[in-house]
Amino acid sequence: MIEGGSLKKSKSLFHPPLPDSFGFRMPTARTQFGRIEEYMGIMATQLQSVQTKAEEAGDSDASYEERRLSYQERDVVDSS
């Protein structure tokens, strides 16, 4: 016997399968070199997107460098 609540719960746990391309469009190039070029373009776009999000969050290279140096200073103090 299935109770109404358990049926509802089992439906909420169902996730449709991921597409084969995981959100990427299928390559249109016919040669391996062409597919590599397409892939590199996709990766460059994703990298630019991640960098833009990091800049918007205030995580610039300068703040990263400041954190890295402060961790190094802390490690020097801890080891003495």
PDB file of N, CA and C in Angstrom:
ATOM      1  N   MET A   1       0.841  -1.183   0.000  1.00  0.00           N
ATOM      2  CA  MET A   1       0.000   0.000   0.000  1.00  0.00           C
ATOM      3  C   MET A   1       0.887   1.248   0.000  1.00  0.00           C
ATOM      4  N   ILE A   2       0.615   2.174  -0.890  1.00  0.00           N
ATOM      5  CA  ILE A   2       1.384   3.417  -0.978  1.00  0.00           C
ATOM      6  C   ILE A   2       0.581   4.524  -0.328  1.00  0.00           C
ATOM      7  N   GLU A   3       1.220   5.213   0.592  1.00  0.00           N
ATOM      8  CA  GLU A   3       0.563   6.345   1.234  1.00  0.00           C
ATOM      9  C   GLU A   3       0.831   7.585   0.400  1.00  0.00           C
ATOM     10  N   GLY A   4      -0.068   8.536   0.469  1.00  0.00           N
ATOM     11  CA  GLY A   4       0.071   9.757  -0.333  1.00  0.00           C
ATOM     12  C   GLY A   4       1.379  10.486  -0.097  1.00  0.00           C
ATOM     13  N   GLY A   5       1.792  10.587   1.160  1.00  0.00           N
ATOM     14  CA  GLY A   5       3.023  11.315   1.470  1.00  0.00           C
ATOM     15  C   GLY A   5       4.256  10.652   0.899  1.00  0.00           C
ATOM     16  N   SER A   6       4.315   9.312   0.958  1.00  0.00           N
ATOM     17  CA  SER A   6       5.513   8.633   0.472  1.00  0.00           C
ATOM     18  C   SER A   6       5.613   8.707  -1.046  1.00  0.00           C
ATOM     19  N   LEU A   7       4.473   8.713  -1.733  1.00  0.00           N
ATOM     20  CA  LEU A   7       4.494   8.844  -3.187  1.00  0.00           C
ATOM     21  C   LEU A   7       4.990  10.220  -3.577  1.00  0.00           C
ATOM     22  N   LYS A   8       4.520  11.231  -2.864  1.00  0.00           N
ATOM     23  CA  LYS A   8       4.953  12.594  -3.140  1.00  0.00           C
ATOM     24  C   LYS A   8       6.460  12.729  -2.904  1.00  0.00           C
ATOM     25  N   LYS A   9       6.942  12.131  -1.825  1.00  0.00           N
ATOM     26  CA  LYS A   9       8.361  12.206  -1.497  1.00  0.00           C
ATOM     27  C   LYS A   9       9.201  11.513  -2.566  1.00  0.00           C
ATOM     28  N   SER A  10       8.755  10.351  -3.037  1.00  0.00           N
ATOM     29  CA  SER A  10       9.543   9.635  -4.037  1.00  0.00           C
ATOM     30  C   SER A  10       9.600  10.415  -5.342  1.00  0.00           C
ATOM     31  N   LYS A  11       8.542  11.150  -5.669  1.00  0.00           N
ATOM     32  CA  LYS A  11       8.563  11.969  -6.882  1.00  0.00           C
ATOM     33  C   LYS A  11       9.558  13.115  -6.739  1.00  0.00           C
ATOM     34  N   SER A  12       9.647  13.709  -5.543  1.00  0.00           N
ATOM     35  CA  SER A  12      10.552  14.837  -5.363  1.00  0.00           C
ATOM     36  C   SER A  12      12.011  14.395  -5.403  1.00  0.00           C
ATOM     37  N   LEU A  13      12.284  13.131  -5.140  1.00  0.00           N
ATOM     38  CA  LEU A  13      13.663  12.643  -5.178  1.00  0.00           C
ATOM     39  C   LEU A  13      14.102  12.251  -6.583  1.00  0.00           C
ATOM     40  N   PHE A  14      13.160  12.179  -7.516  1.00  0.00           N
ATOM     41  CA  PHE A  14      13.497  11.776  -8.877  1.00  0.00           C
ATOM     42  C   PHE A  14      14.182  12.923  -9.599  1.00  0.00           C
ATOM     43  N   HIS A  15      15.298  12.620 -10.231  1.00  0.00           N
ATOM     44  CA  HIS A  15      16.000  13.603 -11.054  1.00  0.00           C
ATOM     45  C   HIS A  15      16.120  13.037 -12.450  1.00  0.00           C
ATOM     46  N   PRO A  16      15.791  13.815 -13.458  1.00  0.00           N
ATOM     47  CA  PRO A  16      15.936  13.302 -14.818  1.00  0.00           C
ATOM     48  C   PRO A  16      17.408  13.065 -15.130  1.00  0.00           C
ATOM     49  N   PRO A  17      17.717  12.129 -16.001  1.00  0.00           N
ATOM     50  CA  PRO A  17      19.120  11.870 -16.327  1.00  0.00           C
ATOM     51  C   PRO A  17      19.756  13.077 -17.008  1.00  0.00           C
ATOM     52  N   LEU A  18      21.055  13.232 -16.770  1.00  0.00           N
ATOM     53  CA  LEU A  18      21.781  14.329 -17.399  1.00  0.00           C
ATOM     54  C   LEU A  18      21.929  14.062 -18.888  1.00  0.00           C
ATOM     55  N   PRO A  19      21.932  15.106 -19.682  1.00  0.00           N
ATOM     56  CA  PRO A  19      22.150  14.883 -21.110  1.00  0.00           C
ATOM     57  C   PRO A  19      23.574  14.392 -21.347  1.00  0.00           C
ATOM     58  N   ASP A  20      23.781  13.713 -22.452  1.00  0.00           N
ATOM     59  CA  ASP A  20      25.112  13.181 -22.758  1.00  0.00           C
ATOM     60  C   ASP A  20      26.163  14.275 -22.813  1.00  0.00           C
ATOM     61  N   SER A  21      25.777  15.458 -23.240  1.00  0.00           N
ATOM     62  CA  SER A  21      26.750  16.529 -23.433  1.00  0.00           C
ATOM     63  C   SER A  21      26.940  17.381 -22.179  1.00  0.00           C
ATOM     64  N   PHE A  22      26.195  17.105 -21.086  1.00  0.00           N
ATOM     65  CA  PHE A  22      26.301  17.862 -19.838  1.00  0.00           C
ATOM     66  C   PHE A  22      26.180  19.363 -20.073  1.00  0.00           C
ATOM     67  N   GLY A  23      25.265  19.759 -20.932  1.00  0.00           N
ATOM     68  CA  GLY A  23      25.032  21.169 -21.182  1.00  0.00           C
ATOM     69  C   GLY A  23      25.841  21.740 -22.328  1.00  0.00           C
ATOM     70  N   PHE A  24      26.825  21.020 -22.806  1.00  0.00           N
ATOM     71  CA  PHE A  24      27.590  21.495 -23.955  1.00  0.00           C
ATOM     72  C   PHE A  24      26.854  21.129 -25.227  1.00  0.00           C
ATOM     73  N   ARG A  25      26.962  21.987 -26.206  1.00  0.00           N
ATOM     74  CA  ARG A  25      26.383  21.619 -27.492  1.00  0.00           C
ATOM     75  C   ARG A  25      27.283  20.589 -28.150  1.00  0.00           C
ATOM     76  N   MET A  26      26.702  19.780 -28.978  1.00  0.00           N
ATOM     77  CA  MET A  26      27.476  18.752 -29.665  1.00  0.00           C
ATOM     78  C   MET A  26      28.414  19.428 -30.661  1.00  0.00           C
ATOM     79  N   PRO A  27      29.643  18.926 -30.808  1.00  0.00           N
ATOM     80  CA  PRO A  27      30.578  19.549 -31.746  1.00  0.00           C
ATOM     81  C   PRO A  27      30.051  19.465 -33.174  1.00  0.00           C
ATOM     82  N   THR A  28      30.282  20.535 -33.915  1.00  0.00           N
ATOM     83  CA  THR A  28      29.836  20.562 -35.309  1.00  0.00           C
ATOM     84  C   THR A  28      30.991  20.335 -36.267  1.00  0.00           C
ATOM     85  N   ALA A  29      32.222  20.431 -35.768  1.00  0.00           N
ATOM     86  CA  ALA A  29      33.389  20.262 -36.637  1.00  0.00           C
ATOM     87  C   ALA A  29      33.518  18.805 -37.071  1.00  0.00           C
ATOM     88  N   ARG A  30      34.011  18.625 -38.275  1.00  0.00           N
ATOM     89  CA  ARG A  30      34.155  17.269 -38.808  1.00  0.00           C
ATOM     90  C   ARG A  30      35.535  16.674 -38.542  1.00  0.00           C
ATOM     91  N   THR A  31      36.517  17.521 -38.283  1.00  0.00           N
ATOM     92  CA  THR A  31      37.871  17.006 -38.063  1.00  0.00           C
ATOM     93  C   THR A  31      38.222  17.097 -36.585  1.00  0.00           C
ATOM     94  N   GLN A  32      39.213  16.320 -36.182  1.00  0.00           N
ATOM     95  CA  GLN A  32      39.651  16.360 -34.790  1.00  0.00           C
ATOM     96  C   GLN A  32      40.187  17.744 -34.452  1.00  0.00           C
ATOM     97  N   PHE A  33      40.944  18.336 -35.363  1.00  0.00           N
ATOM     98  CA  PHE A  33      41.482  19.673 -35.131  1.00  0.00           C
ATOM     99  C   PHE A  33      40.347  20.677 -34.937  1.00  0.00           C
ATOM    100  N   GLY A  34      39.317  20.565 -35.747  1.00  0.00           N
ATOM    101  CA  GLY A  34      38.172  21.463 -35.622  1.00  0.00           C
ATOM    102  C   GLY A  34      37.457  21.291 -34.299  1.00  0.00           C
ATOM    103  N   ARG A  35      37.311  20.038 -33.851  1.00  0.00           N
ATOM    104  CA  ARG A  35      36.660  19.780 -32.564  1.00  0.00           C
ATOM    105  C   ARG A  35      37.493  20.345 -31.415  1.00  0.00           C
ATOM    106  N   ILE A  36      38.818  20.224 -31.539  1.00  0.00           N
ATOM    107  CA  ILE A  36      39.699  20.788 -30.504  1.00  0.00           C
ATOM    108  C   ILE A  36      39.541  22.303 -30.460  1.00  0.00           C
ATOM    109  N   GLU A  37      39.474  22.939 -31.624  1.00  0.00           N
ATOM    110  CA  GLU A  37      39.283  24.394 -31.666  1.00  0.00           C
ATOM    111  C   GLU A  37      37.959  24.789 -31.014  1.00  0.00           C
ATOM    112  N   GLU A  38      36.900  24.044 -31.303  1.00  0.00           N
ATOM    113  CA  GLU A  38      35.600  24.325 -30.690  1.00  0.00           C
ATOM    114  C   GLU A  38      35.680  24.168 -29.172  1.00  0.00           C
ATOM    115  N   TYR A  39      36.309  23.103 -28.724  1.00  0.00           N
ATOM    116  CA  TYR A  39      36.442  22.839 -27.295  1.00  0.00           C
ATOM    117  C   TYR A  39      37.232  23.960 -26.619  1.00  0.00           C
ATOM    118  N   MET A  40      38.318  24.391 -27.253  1.00  0.00           N
ATOM    119  CA  MET A  40      39.130  25.471 -26.686  1.00  0.00           C
ATOM    120  C   MET A  40      38.311  26.761 -26.578  1.00  0.00           C
ATOM    121  N   GLY A  41      37.471  27.017 -27.559  1.00  0.00           N
ATOM    122  CA  GLY A  41      36.606  28.194 -27.504  1.00  0.00           C
ATOM    123  C   GLY A  41      35.631  28.119 -26.338  1.00  0.00           C
ATOM    124  N   ILE A  42      35.053  26.940 -26.126  1.00  0.00           N
ATOM    125  CA  ILE A  42      34.126  26.742 -25.006  1.00  0.00           C
ATOM    126  C   ILE A  42      34.854  26.956 -23.684  1.00  0.00           C
ATOM    127  N   MET A  43      36.043  26.374 -23.560  1.00  0.00           N
ATOM    128  CA  MET A  43      36.803  26.498 -22.313  1.00  0.00           C
ATOM    129  C   MET A  43      37.212  27.950 -22.065  1.00  0.00           C
ATOM    130  N   ALA A  44      37.589  28.670 -23.114  1.00  0.00           N
ATOM    131  CA  ALA A  44      37.964  30.078 -22.960  1.00  0.00           C
ATOM    132  C   ALA A  44      36.770  30.897 -22.473  1.00  0.00           C
ATOM    133  N   THR A  45      35.598  30.603 -23.015  1.00  0.00           N
ATOM    134  CA  THR A  45      34.384  31.302 -22.591  1.00  0.00           C
ATOM    135  C   THR A  45      34.077  31.008 -21.131  1.00  0.00           C
ATOM    136  N   GLN A  46      34.213  29.748 -20.725  1.00  0.00           N
ATOM    137  CA  GLN A  46      33.950  29.396 -19.328  1.00  0.00           C
ATOM    138  C   GLN A  46      34.954  30.051 -18.391  1.00  0.00           C
ATOM    139  N   LEU A  47      36.220  30.073 -18.779  1.00  0.00           N
ATOM    140  CA  LEU A  47      37.245  30.707 -17.954  1.00  0.00           C
ATOM    141  C   LEU A  47      36.938  32.186 -17.781  1.00  0.00           C
ATOM    142  N   GLN A  48      36.563  32.841 -18.869  1.00  0.00           N
ATOM    143  CA  GLN A  48      36.230  34.260 -18.796  1.00  0.00           C
ATOM    144  C   GLN A  48      35.038  34.484 -17.862  1.00  0.00           C
ATOM    145  N   SER A  49      34.066  33.594 -17.913  1.00  0.00           N
ATOM    146  CA  SER A  49      32.890  33.700 -17.047  1.00  0.00           C
ATOM    147  C   SER A  49      33.282  33.555 -15.580  1.00  0.00           C
ATOM    148  N   VAL A  50      34.129  32.588 -15.276  1.00  0.00           N
ATOM    149  CA  VAL A  50      34.574  32.372 -13.895  1.00  0.00           C
ATOM    150  C   VAL A  50      35.378  33.572 -13.407  1.00  0.00           C
ATOM    151  N   GLN A  51      36.254  34.109 -14.254  1.00  0.00           N
ATOM    152  CA  GLN A  51      37.052  35.271 -13.867  1.00  0.00           C
ATOM    153  C   GLN A  51      36.162  36.479 -13.604  1.00  0.00           C
ATOM    154  N   THR A  52      35.147  36.667 -14.443  1.00  0.00           N
ATOM    155  CA  THR A  52      34.228  37.787 -14.261  1.00  0.00           C
ATOM    156  C   THR A  52      33.475  37.651 -12.945  1.00  0.00           C
ATOM    157  N   LYS A  53      33.010  36.448 -12.635  1.00  0.00           N
ATOM    158  CA  LYS A  53      32.297  36.226 -11.373  1.00  0.00           C
ATOM    159  C   LYS A  53      33.215  36.481 -10.184  1.00  0.00           C
ATOM    160  N   ALA A  54      34.472  36.073 -10.287  1.00  0.00           N
ATOM    161  CA  ALA A  54      35.426  36.287  -9.196  1.00  0.00           C
ATOM    162  C   ALA A  54      35.682  37.777  -8.995  1.00  0.00           C
ATOM    163  N   GLU A  55      35.798  38.518 -10.097  1.00  0.00           N
ATOM    164  CA  GLU A  55      36.011  39.963  -9.992  1.00  0.00           C
ATOM    165  C   GLU A  55      34.797  40.640  -9.370  1.00  0.00           C
ATOM    166  N   GLU A  56      33.602  40.209  -9.768  1.00  0.00           N
ATOM    167  CA  GLU A  56      32.381  40.786  -9.200  1.00  0.00           C
ATOM    168  C   GLU A  56      32.280  40.491  -7.710  1.00  0.00           C
ATOM    169  N   ALA A  57      32.809  39.361  -7.288  1.00  0.00           N
ATOM    170  CA  ALA A  57      32.775  38.991  -5.870  1.00  0.00           C
ATOM    171  C   ALA A  57      33.895  39.673  -5.087  1.00  0.00           C
ATOM    172  N   GLY A  58      34.740  40.441  -5.776  1.00  0.00           N
ATOM    173  CA  GLY A  58      35.822  41.139  -5.101  1.00  0.00           C
ATOM    174  C   GLY A  58      37.042  40.281  -4.867  1.00  0.00           C
ATOM    175  N   ASP A  59      37.137  39.168  -5.542  1.00  0.00           N
ATOM    176  CA  ASP A  59      38.259  38.253  -5.359  1.00  0.00           C
ATOM    177  C   ASP A  59      39.288  38.493  -6.461  1.00  0.00           C
ATOM    178  N   SER A  60      39.890  39.673  -6.440  1.00  0.00           N
ATOM    179  CA  SER A  60      40.859  40.016  -7.473  1.00  0.00           C
ATOM    180  C   SER A  60      42.197  39.343  -7.199  1.00  0.00           C
ATOM    181  N   ASP A  61      43.092  39.413  -8.164  1.00  0.00           N
ATOM    182  CA  ASP A  61      44.427  38.846  -7.982  1.00  0.00           C
ATOM    183  C   ASP A  61      45.141  39.503  -6.809  1.00  0.00           C
ATOM    184  N   ALA A  62      44.916  40.805  -6.609  1.00  0.00           N
ATOM    185  CA  ALA A  62      45.578  41.511  -5.515  1.00  0.00           C
ATOM    186  C   ALA A  62      45.112  40.969  -4.168  1.00  0.00           C
ATOM    187  N   SER A  63      43.811  40.764  -4.012  1.00  0.00           N
ATOM    188  CA  SER A  63      43.336  40.247  -2.726  1.00  0.00           C
ATOM    189  C   SER A  63      43.801  38.816  -2.511  1.00  0.00           C
ATOM    190  N   TYR A  64      43.901  38.037  -3.592  1.00  0.00           N
ATOM    191  CA  TYR A  64      44.439  36.677  -3.479  1.00  0.00           C
ATOM    192  C   TYR A  64      45.884  36.737  -2.999  1.00  0.00           C
ATOM    193  N   GLU A  65      46.666  37.634  -3.587  1.00  0.00           N
ATOM    194  CA  GLU A  65      48.076  37.766  -3.209  1.00  0.00           C
ATOM    195  C   GLU A  65      48.197  38.199  -1.747  1.00  0.00           C
ATOM    196  N   GLU A  66      47.338  39.111  -1.300  1.00  0.00           N
ATOM    197  CA  GLU A  66      47.355  39.546   0.099  1.00  0.00           C
ATOM    198  C   GLU A  66      47.059  38.380   1.038  1.00  0.00           C
ATOM    199  N   ARG A  67      46.081  37.566   0.708  1.00  0.00           N
ATOM    200  CA  ARG A  67      45.756  36.404   1.550  1.00  0.00           C
ATOM    201  C   ARG A  67      46.913  35.419   1.578  1.00  0.00           C
ATOM    202  N   ARG A  68      47.522  35.189   0.411  1.00  0.00           N
ATOM    203  CA  ARG A  68      48.628  34.239   0.330  1.00  0.00           C
ATOM    204  C   ARG A  68      49.782  34.697   1.220  1.00  0.00           C
ATOM    205  N   LEU A  69      50.110  35.994   1.159  1.00  0.00           N
ATOM    206  CA  LEU A  69      51.197  36.519   1.977  1.00  0.00           C
ATOM    207  C   LEU A  69      50.858  36.447   3.465  1.00  0.00           C
ATOM    208  N   SER A  70      49.600  36.729   3.814  1.00  0.00           N
ATOM    209  CA  SER A  70      49.236  36.663   5.234  1.00  0.00           C
ATOM    210  C   SER A  70      49.315  35.229   5.749  1.00  0.00           C
ATOM    211  N   TYR A  71      48.966  34.255   4.914  1.00  0.00           N
ATOM    212  CA  TYR A  71      49.100  32.853   5.317  1.00  0.00           C
ATOM    213  C   TYR A  71      50.567  32.493   5.502  1.00  0.00           C
ATOM    214  N   GLN A  72      51.426  32.990   4.616  1.00  0.00           N
ATOM    215  CA  GLN A  72      52.857  32.706   4.744  1.00  0.00           C
ATOM    216  C   GLN A  72      53.397  33.305   6.037  1.00  0.00           C
ATOM    217  N   GLU A  73      53.002  34.539   6.341  1.00  0.00           N
ATOM    218  CA  GLU A  73      53.462  35.185   7.572  1.00  0.00           C
ATOM    219  C   GLU A  73      52.991  34.403   8.795  1.00  0.00           C
ATOM    220  N   ARG A  74      51.747  33.950   8.781  1.00  0.00           N
ATOM    221  CA  ARG A  74      51.215  33.176   9.900  1.00  0.00           C
ATOM    222  C   ARG A  74      51.992  31.875  10.067  1.00  0.00           C
ATOM    223  N   ASP A  75      52.321  31.232   8.947  1.00  0.00           N
ATOM    224  CA  ASP A  75      53.075  29.983   9.014  1.00  0.00           C
ATOM    225  C   ASP A  75      54.460  30.206   9.600  1.00  0.00           C
ATOM    226  N   VAL A  76      55.091  31.337   9.275  1.00  0.00           N
ATOM    227  CA  VAL A  76      56.420  31.642   9.816  1.00  0.00           C
ATOM    228  C   VAL A  76      56.318  31.835  11.325  1.00  0.00           C
ATOM    229  N   VAL A  77      55.304  32.550  11.789  1.00  0.00           N
ATOM    230  CA  VAL A  77      55.114  32.785  13.223  1.00  0.00           C
ATOM    231  C   VAL A  77      54.816  31.464  13.932  1.00  0.00           C
ATOM    232  N   ASP A  78      53.977  30.632  13.337  1.00  0.00           N
ATOM    233  CA  ASP A  78      53.622  29.346  13.947  1.00  0.00           C
ATOM    234  C   ASP A  78      54.821  28.413  14.069  1.00  0.00           C
ATOM    235  N   SER A  79      55.735  28.469  13.124  1.00  0.00           N
ATOM    236  CA  SER A  79      56.859  27.532  13.133  1.00  0.00           C
ATOM    237  C   SER A  79      57.995  27.980  14.043  1.00  0.00           C
ATOM    238  N   SER A  80      57.976  29.249  14.516  1.00  0.00           N
ATOM    239  CA  SER A  80      59.073  29.694  15.380  1.00  0.00           C
ATOM    240  C   SER A  80      58.810  29.433  16.836  1.00  0.00           C
TER     241      SER A  80
END
